[in-house]
Amino acid sequence: MASTREYRDYILEQLSEVPKITCRPMIGEYLLYSDEVLFGGIYDDRLLVKIVPENAQFKMPESIPYDGAKSMYLVEDVDDKEKLAEIVNNTIIGLSDKK
């Protein structure tokens, strides 16, 4: 099942507190970047972020975005804009350290 544009638009609005967010379509789903750092995506109308030690504190469940992919964290509470920004910013910090 592909993600809907409505869900994508909602997530992008919720991420408005995070700087330099870009979204790129990929086979019916959406990849999410901040300042060219790929931190997650929207898969089947679910927001998933990459697993890094910096976001483990949020105790999110792991989920597979699509068959054959690595596990990612499923962000269940996308309605809390402030917490969502904190999760994404911590994820980006963890990924930036790996460059």
C-alpha atoms as a PDB file:
ATOM      1  CA  MET A   1       0.000   0.000   0.000  1.00  0.00           C
ATOM      2  CA  ALA A   2       1.388   3.403  -0.930  1.00  0.00           C
ATOM      3  CA  SER A   3       1.324   6.391   1.390  1.00  0.00           C
ATOM      4  CA  THR A   4      -1.242   9.097   0.760  1.00  0.00           C
ATOM      5  CA  ARG A   5      -0.357  12.676  -0.109  1.00  0.00           C
ATOM      6  CA  GLU A   6      -2.617  13.820   2.736  1.00  0.00           C
ATOM      7  CA  TYR A   7      -0.556  11.892   5.295  1.00  0.00           C
ATOM      8  CA  ARG A   8       2.674  13.177   3.735  1.00  0.00           C
ATOM      9  CA  ASP A   9       1.401  16.755   3.936  1.00  0.00           C
ATOM     10  CA  TYR A  10       0.353  16.243   7.564  1.00  0.00           C
ATOM     11  CA  ILE A  11       3.782  14.878   8.529  1.00  0.00           C
ATOM     12  CA  LEU A  12       5.568  17.724   6.734  1.00  0.00           C
ATOM     13  CA  GLU A  13       3.404  20.221   8.627  1.00  0.00           C
ATOM     14  CA  GLN A  14       4.191  18.450  11.904  1.00  0.00           C
ATOM     15  CA  LEU A  15       7.909  18.634  11.051  1.00  0.00           C
ATOM     16  CA  SER A  16       7.824  22.387  10.427  1.00  0.00           C
ATOM     17  CA  GLU A  17       9.888  22.908  13.624  1.00  0.00           C
ATOM     18  CA  VAL A  18      12.779  20.917  12.133  1.00  0.00           C
ATOM     19  CA  PRO A  19      15.074  22.959   9.847  1.00  0.00           C
ATOM     20  CA  LYS A  20      15.622  22.239   6.162  1.00  0.00           C
ATOM     21  CA  ILE A  21      13.179  19.333   5.755  1.00  0.00           C
ATOM     22  CA  THR A  22      12.842  17.955   2.252  1.00  0.00           C
ATOM     23  CA  CYS A  23      10.742  15.086   1.007  1.00  0.00           C
ATOM     24  CA  ARG A  24      11.463  12.939  -2.036  1.00  0.00           C
ATOM     25  CA  PRO A  25       9.013  10.437  -3.524  1.00  0.00           C
ATOM     26  CA  MET A  26      10.173   6.832  -3.854  1.00  0.00           C
ATOM     27  CA  ILE A  27       7.929   4.156  -5.386  1.00  0.00           C
ATOM     28  CA  GLY A  28       4.726   5.318  -3.687  1.00  0.00           C
ATOM     29  CA  GLU A  29       6.458   6.222  -0.443  1.00  0.00           C
ATOM     30  CA  TYR A  30       8.450   9.263   0.727  1.00  0.00           C
ATOM     31  CA  LEU A  31      12.032   9.675   1.935  1.00  0.00           C
ATOM     32  CA  LEU A  32      12.641  12.428   4.494  1.00  0.00           C
ATOM     33  CA  TYR A  33      15.805  14.505   4.713  1.00  0.00           C
ATOM     34  CA  SER A  34      17.068  17.362   6.816  1.00  0.00           C
ATOM     35  CA  ASP A  35      19.919  19.299   5.237  1.00  0.00           C
ATOM     36  CA  GLU A  36      20.595  16.313   2.932  1.00  0.00           C
ATOM     37  CA  VAL A  37      20.703  13.810   5.842  1.00  0.00           C
ATOM     38  CA  LEU A  38      18.287  10.932   5.191  1.00  0.00           C
ATOM     39  CA  PHE A  39      16.703  10.372   8.598  1.00  0.00           C
ATOM     40  CA  GLY A  40      13.551   8.428   7.804  1.00  0.00           C
ATOM     41  CA  GLY A  41      10.534   8.077   5.624  1.00  0.00           C
ATOM     42  CA  ILE A  42       6.818   7.679   5.274  1.00  0.00           C
ATOM     43  CA  TYR A  43       5.875   4.080   4.503  1.00  0.00           C
ATOM     44  CA  ASP A  44       2.259   2.889   4.283  1.00  0.00           C
ATOM     45  CA  ASP A  45       1.122   6.066   6.064  1.00  0.00           C
ATOM     46  CA  ARG A  46       3.555   5.438   8.939  1.00  0.00           C
ATOM     47  CA  LEU A  47       6.458   7.671   9.953  1.00  0.00           C
ATOM     48  CA  LEU A  48       9.654   5.714  10.515  1.00  0.00           C
ATOM     49  CA  VAL A  49      13.076   7.031  11.513  1.00  0.00           C
ATOM     50  CA  LYS A  50      16.472   5.375  11.385  1.00  0.00           C
ATOM     51  CA  ILE A  51      17.696   3.676  14.539  1.00  0.00           C
ATOM     52  CA  VAL A  52      20.592   5.467  16.250  1.00  0.00           C
ATOM     53  CA  PRO A  53      21.660   5.510  19.918  1.00  0.00           C
ATOM     54  CA  GLU A  54      20.575   9.161  20.169  1.00  0.00           C
ATOM     55  CA  ASN A  55      16.890   8.307  19.658  1.00  0.00           C
ATOM     56  CA  ALA A  56      16.732   5.099  21.733  1.00  0.00           C
ATOM     57  CA  GLN A  57      15.571   7.097  24.768  1.00  0.00           C
ATOM     58  CA  PHE A  58      12.124   7.521  23.165  1.00  0.00           C
ATOM     59  CA  LYS A  59      11.475   3.754  23.398  1.00  0.00           C
ATOM     60  CA  MET A  60       9.740   3.501  20.028  1.00  0.00           C
ATOM     61  CA  PRO A  61       8.800   0.111  18.583  1.00  0.00           C
ATOM     62  CA  GLU A  62      10.809  -1.240  15.680  1.00  0.00           C
ATOM     63  CA  SER A  63       9.128  -1.782  12.338  1.00  0.00           C
ATOM     64  CA  ILE A  64      10.161  -2.842   8.846  1.00  0.00           C
ATOM     65  CA  PRO A  65       9.366  -0.208   6.185  1.00  0.00           C
ATOM     66  CA  TYR A  66       9.173  -2.805   3.374  1.00  0.00           C
ATOM     67  CA  ASP A  67      10.239  -6.407   2.758  1.00  0.00           C
ATOM     68  CA  GLY A  68      13.997  -6.834   2.899  1.00  0.00           C
ATOM     69  CA  ALA A  69      14.677  -3.486   4.608  1.00  0.00           C
ATOM     70  CA  LYS A  70      16.433  -2.848   7.910  1.00  0.00           C
ATOM     71  CA  SER A  71      14.315  -2.182  10.993  1.00  0.00           C
ATOM     72  CA  MET A  72      13.495   1.407  11.789  1.00  0.00           C
ATOM     73  CA  TYR A  73      11.735   3.066  14.695  1.00  0.00           C
ATOM     74  CA  LEU A  74       8.010   3.647  14.262  1.00  0.00           C
ATOM     75  CA  VAL A  75       6.952   7.094  15.499  1.00  0.00           C
ATOM     76  CA  GLU A  76       3.489   6.418  16.865  1.00  0.00           C
ATOM     77  CA  ASP A  77       2.645   9.861  18.271  1.00  0.00           C
ATOM     78  CA  VAL A  78       2.981  12.140  15.261  1.00  0.00           C
ATOM     79  CA  ASP A  79       0.464  14.599  16.722  1.00  0.00           C
ATOM     80  CA  ASP A  80       2.899  15.951  19.343  1.00  0.00           C
ATOM     81  CA  LYS A  81       4.855  18.444  17.220  1.00  0.00           C
ATOM     82  CA  GLU A  82       7.413  19.272  19.926  1.00  0.00           C
ATOM     83  CA  LYS A  83       8.240  15.653  20.743  1.00  0.00           C
ATOM     84  CA  LEU A  84       8.356  14.796  17.046  1.00  0.00           C
ATOM     85  CA  ALA A  85      10.905  17.573  16.462  1.00  0.00           C
ATOM     86  CA  GLU A  86      12.981  16.253  19.368  1.00  0.00           C
ATOM     87  CA  ILE A  87      12.924  12.693  17.975  1.00  0.00           C
ATOM     88  CA  VAL A  88      13.915  13.828  14.489  1.00  0.00           C
ATOM     89  CA  ASN A  89      16.609  16.232  15.707  1.00  0.00           C
ATOM     90  CA  ASN A  90      18.155  13.487  17.871  1.00  0.00           C
ATOM     91  CA  THR A  91      18.044  11.114  14.904  1.00  0.00           C
ATOM     92  CA  ILE A  92      19.770  13.658  12.683  1.00  0.00           C
ATOM     93  CA  ILE A  93      22.467  14.270  15.317  1.00  0.00           C
ATOM     94  CA  GLY A  94      23.119  10.512  15.493  1.00  0.00           C
ATOM     95  CA  LEU A  95      23.337  10.210  11.724  1.00  0.00           C
ATOM     96  CA  SER A  96      25.505  13.325  11.319  1.00  0.00           C
ATOM     97  CA  ASP A  97      28.077  11.851  13.685  1.00  0.00           C
ATOM     98  CA  LYS A  98      28.457   8.899  11.281  1.00  0.00           C
ATOM     99  CA  LYS A  99      29.484  10.980   8.257  1.00  0.00           C
END
